[in-house]
Amino acid sequence: MTVNLFSYGTLQETKVQQAVFDGPITGEPDAIVGYRLETFTITGSAAIAISGHANHTMLEPTGDDADEIEGTRSTLSDAQLAMADAYEDAAYKRVEVALRSGVRAWAYVRA
């Protein structure tokens, strides 16, 4: 089975994709509406080692349709989604969202 994942931060980086998914993933440009980005410091040593830094971004809901975050919508296998879950810091949780395109996708937001 396949699922959609919306990425807006480090999961868009080739080096992170190589480490998390054992290779690059492809996707289409898309956006999430009603969110803004906040910067915070993660504590997960594995994610810090992979990304190369402790400061990451996180989606914060605003409910304002004027707030949009551009990113990438990728189609992943269930196994790849589990790999993404394992990479993300405990400060994130995965939720299903509607993207600007109308497609539903998983995205990581503040836990």
PDB file of N, CA and C in Angstrom:
ATOM      1  N   MET A   1       0.844  -1.179   0.000  1.00  0.00           N
ATOM      2  CA  MET A   1       0.000   0.000   0.000  1.00  0.00           C
ATOM      3  C   MET A   1       0.889   1.242   0.000  1.00  0.00           C
ATOM      4  N   THR A   2       0.390   2.327  -0.590  1.00  0.00           N
ATOM      5  CA  THR A   2       1.143   3.578  -0.596  1.00  0.00           C
ATOM      6  C   THR A   2       0.349   4.665   0.107  1.00  0.00           C
ATOM      7  N   VAL A   3       1.090   5.643   0.617  1.00  0.00           N
ATOM      8  CA  VAL A   3       0.506   6.785   1.317  1.00  0.00           C
ATOM      9  C   VAL A   3       1.219   8.044   0.850  1.00  0.00           C
ATOM     10  N   ASN A   4       0.578   9.193   1.068  1.00  0.00           N
ATOM     11  CA  ASN A   4       1.192  10.476   0.755  1.00  0.00           C
ATOM     12  C   ASN A   4       1.795  11.069   2.018  1.00  0.00           C
ATOM     13  N   LEU A   5       2.977  11.657   1.871  1.00  0.00           N
ATOM     14  CA  LEU A   5       3.634  12.359   2.968  1.00  0.00           C
ATOM     15  C   LEU A   5       3.982  13.763   2.497  1.00  0.00           C
ATOM     16  N   PHE A   6       3.612  14.759   3.286  1.00  0.00           N
ATOM     17  CA  PHE A   6       3.978  16.144   3.001  1.00  0.00           C
ATOM     18  C   PHE A   6       5.202  16.478   3.835  1.00  0.00           C
ATOM     19  N   SER A   7       6.292  16.844   3.161  1.00  0.00           N
ATOM     20  CA  SER A   7       7.509  17.242   3.873  1.00  0.00           C
ATOM     21  C   SER A   7       7.796  18.706   3.584  1.00  0.00           C
ATOM     22  N   TYR A   8       8.326  19.384   4.596  1.00  0.00           N
ATOM     23  CA  TYR A   8       8.551  20.826   4.511  1.00  0.00           C
ATOM     24  C   TYR A   8       9.898  21.221   5.103  1.00  0.00           C
ATOM     25  N   GLY A   9      10.633  20.257   5.620  1.00  0.00           N
ATOM     26  CA  GLY A   9      11.905  20.546   6.295  1.00  0.00           C
ATOM     27  C   GLY A   9      12.981  19.583   5.860  1.00  0.00           C
ATOM     28  N   THR A  10      13.624  18.964   6.841  1.00  0.00           N
ATOM     29  CA  THR A  10      14.796  18.145   6.552  1.00  0.00           C
ATOM     30  C   THR A  10      14.489  16.923   5.700  1.00  0.00           C
ATOM     31  N   LEU A  11      13.258  16.415   5.717  1.00  0.00           N
ATOM     32  CA  LEU A  11      12.937  15.261   4.872  1.00  0.00           C
ATOM     33  C   LEU A  11      12.951  15.595   3.381  1.00  0.00           C
ATOM     34  N   GLN A  12      13.110  16.866   3.035  1.00  0.00           N
ATOM     35  CA  GLN A  12      13.270  17.258   1.632  1.00  0.00           C
ATOM     36  C   GLN A  12      14.734  17.212   1.202  1.00  0.00           C
ATOM     37  N   GLU A  13      15.649  17.120   2.175  1.00  0.00           N
ATOM     38  CA  GLU A  13      17.082  17.152   1.880  1.00  0.00           C
ATOM     39  C   GLU A  13      17.574  15.794   1.392  1.00  0.00           C
ATOM     40  N   THR A  14      18.376  15.798   0.324  1.00  0.00           N
ATOM     41  CA  THR A  14      18.880  14.565  -0.267  1.00  0.00           C
ATOM     42  C   THR A  14      19.664  13.735   0.739  1.00  0.00           C
ATOM     43  N   LYS A  15      20.524  14.375   1.547  1.00  0.00           N
ATOM     44  CA  LYS A  15      21.336  13.603   2.501  1.00  0.00           C
ATOM     45  C   LYS A  15      20.469  12.946   3.567  1.00  0.00           C
ATOM     46  N   VAL A  16      19.387  13.600   3.967  1.00  0.00           N
ATOM     47  CA  VAL A  16      18.469  13.023   4.952  1.00  0.00           C
ATOM     48  C   VAL A  16      17.699  11.875   4.313  1.00  0.00           C
ATOM     49  N   GLN A  17      17.228  12.058   3.093  1.00  0.00           N
ATOM     50  CA  GLN A  17      16.519  10.978   2.393  1.00  0.00           C
ATOM     51  C   GLN A  17      17.425   9.760   2.215  1.00  0.00           C
ATOM     52  N   GLN A  18      18.678   9.993   1.902  1.00  0.00           N
ATOM     53  CA  GLN A  18      19.620   8.883   1.736  1.00  0.00           C
ATOM     54  C   GLN A  18      19.740   8.092   3.035  1.00  0.00           C
ATOM     55  N   ALA A  19      19.847   8.789   4.147  1.00  0.00           N
ATOM     56  CA  ALA A  19      20.005   8.129   5.446  1.00  0.00           C
ATOM     57  C   ALA A  19      18.710   7.468   5.928  1.00  0.00           C
ATOM     58  N   VAL A  20      17.586   8.121   5.708  1.00  0.00           N
ATOM     59  CA  VAL A  20      16.307   7.628   6.231  1.00  0.00           C
ATOM     60  C   VAL A  20      15.721   6.532   5.343  1.00  0.00           C
ATOM     61  N   PHE A  21      15.750   6.746   4.018  1.00  0.00           N
ATOM     62  CA  PHE A  21      15.082   5.844   3.081  1.00  0.00           C
ATOM     63  C   PHE A  21      16.048   5.002   2.247  1.00  0.00           C
ATOM     64  N   ASP A  22      17.327   5.095   2.512  1.00  0.00           N
ATOM     65  CA  ASP A  22      18.352   4.398   1.721  1.00  0.00           C
ATOM     66  C   ASP A  22      18.378   4.856   0.278  1.00  0.00           C
ATOM     67  N   GLY A  23      17.970   6.101   0.029  1.00  0.00           N
ATOM     68  CA  GLY A  23      18.009   6.670  -1.308  1.00  0.00           C
ATOM     69  C   GLY A  23      17.030   7.814  -1.417  1.00  0.00           C
ATOM     70  N   PRO A  24      17.165   8.598  -2.479  1.00  0.00           N
ATOM     71  CA  PRO A  24      16.272   9.745  -2.637  1.00  0.00           C
ATOM     72  C   PRO A  24      14.841   9.310  -2.955  1.00  0.00           C
ATOM     73  N   ILE A  25      13.895  10.137  -2.543  1.00  0.00           N
ATOM     74  CA  ILE A  25      12.499   9.944  -2.915  1.00  0.00           C
ATOM     75  C   ILE A  25      12.079  11.121  -3.777  1.00  0.00           C
ATOM     76  N   THR A  26      11.108  10.907  -4.627  1.00  0.00           N
ATOM     77  CA  THR A  26      10.631  11.982  -5.495  1.00  0.00           C
ATOM     78  C   THR A  26       9.290  12.481  -4.981  1.00  0.00           C
ATOM     79  N   GLY A  27       8.914  13.641  -5.461  1.00  0.00           N
ATOM     80  CA  GLY A  27       7.641  14.201  -5.048  1.00  0.00           C
ATOM     81  C   GLY A  27       7.237  15.360  -5.924  1.00  0.00           C
ATOM     82  N   GLU A  28       6.080  15.892  -5.605  1.00  0.00           N
ATOM     83  CA  GLU A  28       5.508  17.028  -6.321  1.00  0.00           C
ATOM     84  C   GLU A  28       5.402  18.219  -5.381  1.00  0.00           C
ATOM     85  N   PRO A  29       5.603  19.423  -5.891  1.00  0.00           N
ATOM     86  CA  PRO A  29       5.391  20.599  -5.053  1.00  0.00           C
ATOM     87  C   PRO A  29       3.931  20.673  -4.599  1.00  0.00           C
ATOM     88  N   ASP A  30       3.723  21.056  -3.371  1.00  0.00           N
ATOM     89  CA  ASP A  30       2.376  21.240  -2.823  1.00  0.00           C
ATOM     90  C   ASP A  30       2.522  22.169  -1.630  1.00  0.00           C
ATOM     91  N   ALA A  31       1.450  22.435  -0.942  1.00  0.00           N
ATOM     92  CA  ALA A  31       1.497  23.325   0.221  1.00  0.00           C
ATOM     93  C   ALA A  31       0.431  22.901   1.212  1.00  0.00           C
ATOM     94  N   ILE A  32       0.649  23.275   2.450  1.00  0.00           N
ATOM     95  CA  ILE A  32      -0.342  23.071   3.500  1.00  0.00           C
ATOM     96  C   ILE A  32      -0.857  24.448   3.905  1.00  0.00           C
ATOM     97  N   VAL A  33      -2.159  24.542   4.061  1.00  0.00           N
ATOM     98  CA  VAL A  33      -2.824  25.814   4.353  1.00  0.00           C
ATOM     99  C   VAL A  33      -3.250  25.829   5.814  1.00  0.00           C
ATOM    100  N   GLY A  34      -3.109  27.008   6.446  1.00  0.00           N
ATOM    101  CA  GLY A  34      -3.544  27.151   7.825  1.00  0.00           C
ATOM    102  C   GLY A  34      -2.473  26.774   8.836  1.00  0.00           C
ATOM    103  N   TYR A  35      -1.226  26.813   8.409  1.00  0.00           N
ATOM    104  CA  TYR A  35      -0.093  26.496   9.285  1.00  0.00           C
ATOM    105  C   TYR A  35       1.013  27.516   9.076  1.00  0.00           C
ATOM    106  N   ARG A  36       1.865  27.650  10.077  1.00  0.00           N
ATOM    107  CA  ARG A  36       3.101  28.435   9.970  1.00  0.00           C
ATOM    108  C   ARG A  36       4.232  27.543  10.465  1.00  0.00           C
ATOM    109  N   LEU A  37       5.461  27.958  10.189  1.00  0.00           N
ATOM    110  CA  LEU A  37       6.634  27.214  10.646  1.00  0.00           C
ATOM    111  C   LEU A  37       7.218  27.858  11.886  1.00  0.00           C
ATOM    112  N   GLU A  38       7.551  27.040  12.848  1.00  0.00           N
ATOM    113  CA  GLU A  38       8.259  27.457  14.058  1.00  0.00           C
ATOM    114  C   GLU A  38       9.594  26.722  14.087  1.00  0.00           C
ATOM    115  N   THR A  39      10.623  27.378  14.556  1.00  0.00           N
ATOM    116  CA  THR A  39      11.927  26.744  14.723  1.00  0.00           C
ATOM    117  C   THR A  39      12.060  26.301  16.169  1.00  0.00           C
ATOM    118  N   PHE A  40      12.589  25.101  16.352  1.00  0.00           N
ATOM    119  CA  PHE A  40      12.813  24.613  17.706  1.00  0.00           C
ATOM    120  C   PHE A  40      14.036  23.702  17.694  1.00  0.00           C
ATOM    121  N   THR A  41      14.503  23.345  18.859  1.00  0.00           N
ATOM    122  CA  THR A  41      15.680  22.496  19.007  1.00  0.00           C
ATOM    123  C   THR A  41      15.230  21.088  19.355  1.00  0.00           C
ATOM    124  N   ILE A  42      15.607  20.121  18.497  1.00  0.00           N
ATOM    125  CA  ILE A  42      15.272  18.726  18.766  1.00  0.00           C
ATOM    126  C   ILE A  42      16.308  18.136  19.705  1.00  0.00           C
ATOM    127  N   THR A  43      15.979  17.005  20.315  1.00  0.00           N
ATOM    128  CA  THR A  43      16.897  16.352  21.242  1.00  0.00           C
ATOM    129  C   THR A  43      17.305  14.959  20.786  1.00  0.00           C
ATOM    130  N   GLY A  44      16.636  14.429  19.767  1.00  0.00           N
ATOM    131  CA  GLY A  44      16.951  13.080  19.290  1.00  0.00           C
ATOM    132  C   GLY A  44      18.310  13.032  18.620  1.00  0.00           C
ATOM    133  N   SER A  45      19.238  12.290  19.230  1.00  0.00           N
ATOM    134  CA  SER A  45      20.618  12.261  18.715  1.00  0.00           C
ATOM    135  C   SER A  45      20.709  11.669  17.315  1.00  0.00           C
ATOM    136  N   ALA A  46      19.869  10.690  16.979  1.00  0.00           N
ATOM    137  CA  ALA A  46      19.926  10.096  15.641  1.00  0.00           C
ATOM    138  C   ALA A  46      19.511  11.118  14.580  1.00  0.00           C
ATOM    139  N   ALA A  47      18.431  11.844  14.828  1.00  0.00           N
ATOM    140  CA  ALA A  47      17.974  12.850  13.866  1.00  0.00           C
ATOM    141  C   ALA A  47      18.988  13.983  13.734  1.00  0.00           C
ATOM    142  N   ILE A  48      19.606  14.351  14.840  1.00  0.00           N
ATOM    143  CA  ILE A  48      20.644  15.400  14.786  1.00  0.00           C
ATOM    144  C   ILE A  48      21.827  14.916  13.958  1.00  0.00           C
ATOM    145  N   ALA A  49      22.230  13.676  14.165  1.00  0.00           N
ATOM    146  CA  ALA A  49      23.360  13.124  13.406  1.00  0.00           C
ATOM    147  C   ALA A  49      23.052  13.067  11.916  1.00  0.00           C
ATOM    148  N   ILE A  50      21.832  12.686  11.564  1.00  0.00           N
ATOM    149  CA  ILE A  50      21.458  12.577  10.154  1.00  0.00           C
ATOM    150  C   ILE A  50      21.355  13.951   9.499  1.00  0.00           C
ATOM    151  N   SER A  51      20.669  14.885  10.154  1.00  0.00           N
ATOM    152  CA  SER A  51      20.444  16.201   9.544  1.00  0.00           C
ATOM    153  C   SER A  51      21.652  17.121   9.657  1.00  0.00           C
ATOM    154  N   GLY A  52      22.460  16.892  10.686  1.00  0.00           N
ATOM    155  CA  GLY A  52      23.636  17.728  10.882  1.00  0.00           C
ATOM    156  C   GLY A  52      23.397  18.935  11.756  1.00  0.00           C
ATOM    157  N   HIS A  53      22.185  19.070  12.311  1.00  0.00           N
ATOM    158  CA  HIS A  53      21.903  20.209  13.183  1.00  0.00           C
ATOM    159  C   HIS A  53      20.727  19.891  14.107  1.00  0.00           C
ATOM    160  N   ALA A  54      20.664  20.624  15.216  1.00  0.00           N
ATOM    161  CA  ALA A  54      19.604  20.410  16.204  1.00  0.00           C
ATOM    162  C   ALA A  54      18.414  21.344  15.990  1.00  0.00           C
ATOM    163  N   ASN A  55      18.588  22.422  15.251  1.00  0.00           N
ATOM    164  CA  ASN A  55      17.484  23.348  14.994  1.00  0.00           C
ATOM    165  C   ASN A  55      16.697  22.878  13.778  1.00  0.00           C
ATOM    166  N   HIS A  56      15.434  22.560  13.998  1.00  0.00           N
ATOM    167  CA  HIS A  56      14.544  22.086  12.943  1.00  0.00           C
ATOM    168  C   HIS A  56      13.294  22.953  12.924  1.00  0.00           C
ATOM    169  N   THR A  57      12.476  22.785  11.882  1.00  0.00           N
ATOM    170  CA  THR A  57      11.208  23.499  11.804  1.00  0.00           C
ATOM    171  C   THR A  57      10.059  22.546  12.096  1.00  0.00           C
ATOM    172  N   MET A  58       8.955  23.124  12.546  1.00  0.00           N
ATOM    173  CA  MET A  58       7.775  22.338  12.879  1.00  0.00           C
ATOM    174  C   MET A  58       6.537  23.106  12.449  1.00  0.00           C
ATOM    175  N   LEU A  59       5.543  22.369  11.930  1.00  0.00           N
ATOM    176  CA  LEU A  59       4.270  22.981  11.573  1.00  0.00           C
ATOM    177  C   LEU A  59       3.469  23.299  12.817  1.00  0.00           C
ATOM    178  N   GLU A  60       2.979  24.524  12.878  1.00  0.00           N
ATOM    179  CA  GLU A  60       2.099  24.991  13.964  1.00  0.00           C
ATOM    180  C   GLU A  60       0.788  25.417  13.324  1.00  0.00           C
ATOM    181  N   PRO A  61      -0.337  24.837  13.716  1.00  0.00           N
ATOM    182  CA  PRO A  61      -1.614  25.248  13.115  1.00  0.00           C
ATOM    183  C   PRO A  61      -2.001  26.669  13.520  1.00  0.00           C
ATOM    184  N   THR A  62      -2.504  27.416  12.538  1.00  0.00           N
ATOM    185  CA  THR A  62      -2.995  28.772  12.809  1.00  0.00           C
ATOM    186  C   THR A  62      -4.485  28.887  12.519  1.00  0.00           C
ATOM    187  N   GLY A  63      -4.990  28.030  11.640  1.00  0.00           N
ATOM    188  CA  GLY A  63      -6.384  28.130  11.225  1.00  0.00           C
ATOM    189  C   GLY A  63      -6.648  29.259  10.246  1.00  0.00           C
ATOM    190  N   ASP A  64      -5.617  29.981   9.852  1.00  0.00           N
ATOM    191  CA  ASP A  64      -5.743  31.122   8.941  1.00  0.00           C
ATOM    192  C   ASP A  64      -5.387  30.669   7.523  1.00  0.00           C
ATOM    193  N   ASP A  65      -6.345  30.739   6.605  1.00  0.00           N
ATOM    194  CA  ASP A  65      -6.112  30.305   5.226  1.00  0.00           C
ATOM    195  C   ASP A  65      -5.045  31.124   4.514  1.00  0.00           C
ATOM    196  N   ALA A  66      -4.682  32.273   5.058  1.00  0.00           N
ATOM    197  CA  ALA A  66      -3.617  33.085   4.459  1.00  0.00           C
ATOM    198  C   ALA A  66      -2.235  32.502   4.761  1.00  0.00           C
ATOM    199  N   ASP A  67      -2.154  31.634   5.760  1.00  0.00           N
ATOM    200  CA  ASP A  67      -0.872  31.012   6.117  1.00  0.00           C
ATOM    201  C   ASP A  67      -0.689  29.736   5.303  1.00  0.00           C
ATOM    202  N   GLU A  68       0.367  29.700   4.487  1.00  0.00           N
ATOM    203  CA  GLU A  68       0.670  28.529   3.664  1.00  0.00           C
ATOM    204  C   GLU A  68       2.145  28.198   3.792  1.00  0.00           C
ATOM    205  N   ILE A  69       2.433  26.922   3.845  1.00  0.00           N
ATOM    206  CA  ILE A  69       3.809  26.443   3.861  1.00  0.00           C
ATOM    207  C   ILE A  69       4.014  25.586   2.621  1.00  0.00           C
ATOM    208  N   GLU A  70       4.980  25.971   1.799  1.00  0.00           N
ATOM    209  CA  GLU A  70       5.326  25.204   0.606  1.00  0.00           C
ATOM    210  C   GLU A  70       6.168  24.001   1.022  1.00  0.00           C
ATOM    211  N   GLY A  71       6.000  22.920   0.302  1.00  0.00           N
ATOM    212  CA  GLY A  71       6.776  21.723   0.575  1.00  0.00           C
ATOM    213  C   GLY A  71       6.649  20.731  -0.563  1.00  0.00           C
ATOM    214  N   THR A  72       6.843  19.459  -0.234  1.00  0.00           N
ATOM    215  CA  THR A  72       6.828  18.393  -1.227  1.00  0.00           C
ATOM    216  C   THR A  72       5.889  17.284  -0.777  1.00  0.00           C
ATOM    217  N   ARG A  73       5.057  16.840  -1.699  1.00  0.00           N
ATOM    218  CA  ARG A  73       4.179  15.692  -1.459  1.00  0.00           C
ATOM    219  C   ARG A  73       4.782  14.491  -2.158  1.00  0.00           C
ATOM    220  N   SER A  74       5.120  13.469  -1.363  1.00  0.00           N
ATOM    221  CA  SER A  74       5.731  12.254  -1.895  1.00  0.00           C
ATOM    222  C   SER A  74       4.828  11.067  -1.617  1.00  0.00           C
ATOM    223  N   THR A  75       4.890  10.086  -2.503  1.00  0.00           N
ATOM    224  CA  THR A  75       4.172   8.838  -2.302  1.00  0.00           C
ATOM    225  C   THR A  75       5.165   7.821  -1.751  1.00  0.00           C
ATOM    226  N   LEU A  76       4.835   7.275  -0.570  1.00  0.00           N
ATOM    227  CA  LEU A  76       5.714   6.337   0.115  1.00  0.00           C
ATOM    228  C   LEU A  76       5.013   5.007   0.336  1.00  0.00           C
ATOM    229  N   SER A  77       5.807   3.977   0.491  1.00  0.00           N
ATOM    230  CA  SER A  77       5.272   2.689   0.923  1.00  0.00           C
ATOM    231  C   SER A  77       5.029   2.761   2.434  1.00  0.00           C
ATOM    232  N   ASP A  78       4.273   1.815   2.956  1.00  0.00           N
ATOM    233  CA  ASP A  78       4.078   1.757   4.405  1.00  0.00           C
ATOM    234  C   ASP A  78       5.414   1.609   5.123  1.00  0.00           C
ATOM    235  N   ALA A  79       6.330   0.833   4.545  1.00  0.00           N
ATOM    236  CA  ALA A  79       7.647   0.647   5.155  1.00  0.00           C
ATOM    237  C   ALA A  79       8.428   1.962   5.187  1.00  0.00           C
ATOM    238  N   GLN A  80       8.358   2.739   4.114  1.00  0.00           N
ATOM    239  CA  GLN A  80       9.044   4.032   4.087  1.00  0.00           C
ATOM    240  C   GLN A  80       8.428   5.002   5.093  1.00  0.00           C
ATOM    241  N   LEU A  81       7.108   4.968   5.251  1.00  0.00           N
ATOM    242  CA  LEU A  81       6.464   5.826   6.243  1.00  0.00           C
ATOM    243  C   LEU A  81       6.956   5.458   7.643  1.00  0.00           C
ATOM    244  N   ALA A  82       7.116   4.181   7.912  1.00  0.00           N
ATOM    245  CA  ALA A  82       7.650   3.744   9.210  1.00  0.00           C
ATOM    246  C   ALA A  82       9.082   4.251   9.396  1.00  0.00           C
ATOM    247  N   MET A  83       9.871   4.306   8.316  1.00  0.00           N
ATOM    248  CA  MET A  83      11.236   4.846   8.388  1.00  0.00           C
ATOM    249  C   MET A  83      11.202   6.331   8.737  1.00  0.00           C
ATOM    250  N   ALA A  84      10.271   7.066   8.136  1.00  0.00           N
ATOM    251  CA  ALA A  84      10.129   8.494   8.438  1.00  0.00           C
ATOM    252  C   ALA A  84       9.719   8.682   9.893  1.00  0.00           C
ATOM    253  N   ASP A  85       8.795   7.853  10.373  1.00  0.00           N
ATOM    254  CA  ASP A  85       8.382   7.918  11.780  1.00  0.00           C
ATOM    255  C   ASP A  85       9.576   7.709  12.705  1.00  0.00           C
ATOM    256  N   ALA A  86      10.422   6.753  12.361  1.00  0.00           N
ATOM    257  CA  ALA A  86      11.582   6.450  13.201  1.00  0.00           C
ATOM    258  C   ALA A  86      12.574   7.613  13.213  1.00  0.00           C
ATOM    259  N   TYR A  87      12.669   8.350  12.115  1.00  0.00           N
ATOM    260  CA  TYR A  87      13.586   9.486  12.025  1.00  0.00           C
ATOM    261  C   TYR A  87      13.105  10.670  12.850  1.00  0.00           C
ATOM    262  N   GLU A  88      11.814  10.941  12.849  1.00  0.00           N
ATOM    263  CA  GLU A  88      11.299  12.146  13.482  1.00  0.00           C
ATOM    264  C   GLU A  88      11.472  12.124  14.997  1.00  0.00           C
ATOM    265  N   ASP A  89      11.786  13.279  15.542  1.00  0.00           N
ATOM    266  CA  ASP A  89      11.996  13.483  16.970  1.00  0.00           C
ATOM    267  C   ASP A  89      10.670  13.300  17.728  1.00  0.00           C
ATOM    268  N   ALA A  90      10.751  13.013  19.010  1.00  0.00           N
ATOM    269  CA  ALA A  90       9.557  12.822  19.846  1.00  0.00           C
ATOM    270  C   ALA A  90       8.707  14.089  19.946  1.00  0.00           C
ATOM    271  N   ALA A  91       9.251  15.240  19.574  1.00  0.00           N
ATOM    272  CA  ALA A  91       8.489  16.490  19.618  1.00  0.00           C
ATOM    273  C   ALA A  91       7.448  16.560  18.501  1.00  0.00           C
ATOM    274  N   TYR A  92       7.541  15.646  17.522  1.00  0.00           N
ATOM    275  CA  TYR A  92       6.601  15.613  16.399  1.00  0.00           C
ATOM    276  C   TYR A  92       5.579  14.501  16.581  1.00  0.00           C
ATOM    277  N   LYS A  93       4.417  14.706  15.971  1.00  0.00           N
ATOM    278  CA  LYS A  93       3.461  13.626  15.793  1.00  0.00           C
ATOM    279  C   LYS A  93       2.995  13.680  14.348  1.00  0.00           C
ATOM    280  N   ARG A  94       2.580  12.544  13.826  1.00  0.00           N
ATOM    281  CA  ARG A  94       2.111  12.469  12.443  1.00  0.00           C
ATOM    282  C   ARG A  94       0.592  12.563  12.430  1.00  0.00           C
ATOM    283  N   VAL A  95       0.060  13.494  11.609  1.00  0.00           N
ATOM    284  CA  VAL A  95      -1.380  13.675  11.464  1.00  0.00           C
ATOM    285  C   VAL A  95      -1.730  13.726   9.979  1.00  0.00           C
ATOM    286  N   GLU A  96      -2.968  13.388   9.667  1.00  0.00           N
ATOM    287  CA  GLU A  96      -3.432  13.486   8.292  1.00  0.00           C
ATOM    288  C   GLU A  96      -3.970  14.885   8.046  1.00  0.00           C
ATOM    289  N   VAL A  97      -3.576  15.485   6.925  1.00  0.00           N
ATOM    290  CA  VAL A  97      -3.967  16.851   6.595  1.00  0.00           C
ATOM    291  C   VAL A  97      -4.431  16.918   5.141  1.00  0.00           C
ATOM    292  N   ALA A  98      -5.156  17.974   4.827  1.00  0.00           N
ATOM    293  CA  ALA A  98      -5.534  18.270   3.443  1.00  0.00           C
ATOM    294  C   ALA A  98      -4.549  19.294   2.908  1.00  0.00           C
ATOM    295  N   LEU A  99      -4.017  19.032   1.737  1.00  0.00           N
ATOM    296  CA  LEU A  99      -3.065  19.954   1.105  1.00  0.00           C
ATOM    297  C   LEU A  99      -3.800  20.890   0.158  1.00  0.00           C
ATOM    298  N   ARG A 100      -3.107  21.936  -0.272  1.00  0.00           N
ATOM    299  CA  ARG A 100      -3.700  22.920  -1.190  1.00  0.00           C
ATOM    300  C   ARG A 100      -4.244  22.240  -2.442  1.00  0.00           C
ATOM    301  N   SER A 101      -3.579  21.186  -2.899  1.00  0.00           N
ATOM    302  CA  SER A 101      -4.002  20.456  -4.101  1.00  0.00           C
ATOM    303  C   SER A 101      -5.301  19.685  -3.895  1.00  0.00           C
ATOM    304  N   GLY A 102      -5.721  19.527  -2.631  1.00  0.00           N
ATOM    305  CA  GLY A 102      -6.892  18.723  -2.317  1.00  0.00           C
ATOM    306  C   GLY A 102      -6.540  17.305  -1.914  1.00  0.00           C
ATOM    307  N   VAL A 103      -5.282  16.929  -2.106  1.00  0.00           N
ATOM    308  CA  VAL A 103      -4.814  15.593  -1.727  1.00  0.00           C
ATOM    309  C   VAL A 103      -4.667  15.523  -0.213  1.00  0.00           C
ATOM    310  N   ARG A 104      -5.014  14.390   0.364  1.00  0.00           N
ATOM    311  CA  ARG A 104      -4.801  14.148   1.791  1.00  0.00           C
ATOM    312  C   ARG A 104      -3.437  13.490   1.960  1.00  0.00           C
ATOM    313  N   ALA A 105      -2.715  13.911   2.988  1.00  0.00           N
ATOM    314  CA  ALA A 105      -1.371  13.394   3.210  1.00  0.00           C
ATOM    315  C   ALA A 105      -1.061  13.393   4.692  1.00  0.00           C
ATOM    316  N   TRP A 106      -0.072  12.612   5.063  1.00  0.00           N
ATOM    317  CA  TRP A 106       0.467  12.669   6.421  1.00  0.00           C
ATOM    318  C   TRP A 106       1.439  13.826   6.492  1.00  0.00           C
ATOM    319  N   ALA A 107       1.505  14.465   7.659  1.00  0.00           N
ATOM    320  CA  ALA A 107       2.474  15.529   7.917  1.00  0.00           C
ATOM    321  C   ALA A 107       2.855  15.458   9.386  1.00  0.00           C
ATOM    322  N   TYR A 108       4.062  15.922   9.694  1.00  0.00           N
ATOM    323  CA  TYR A 108       4.523  15.944  11.069  1.00  0.00           C
ATOM    324  C   TYR A 108       4.321  17.335  11.647  1.00  0.00           C
ATOM    325  N   VAL A 109       3.621  17.380  12.787  1.00  0.00           N
ATOM    326  CA  VAL A 109       3.306  18.634  13.477  1.00  0.00           C
ATOM    327  C   VAL A 109       3.763  18.520  14.931  1.00  0.00           C
ATOM    328  N   ARG A 110       3.616  19.598  15.680  1.00  0.00           N
ATOM    329  CA  ARG A 110       3.992  19.585  17.108  1.00  0.00           C
ATOM    330  C   ARG A 110       3.191  18.535  17.866  1.00  0.00           C
ATOM    331  N   ALA A 111       3.893  17.705  18.631  1.00  0.00           N
ATOM    332  CA  ALA A 111       3.238  16.637  19.422  1.00  0.00           C
ATOM    333  C   ALA A 111       2.477  17.224  20.586  1.00  0.00           C
TER     334      ALA A 111
END
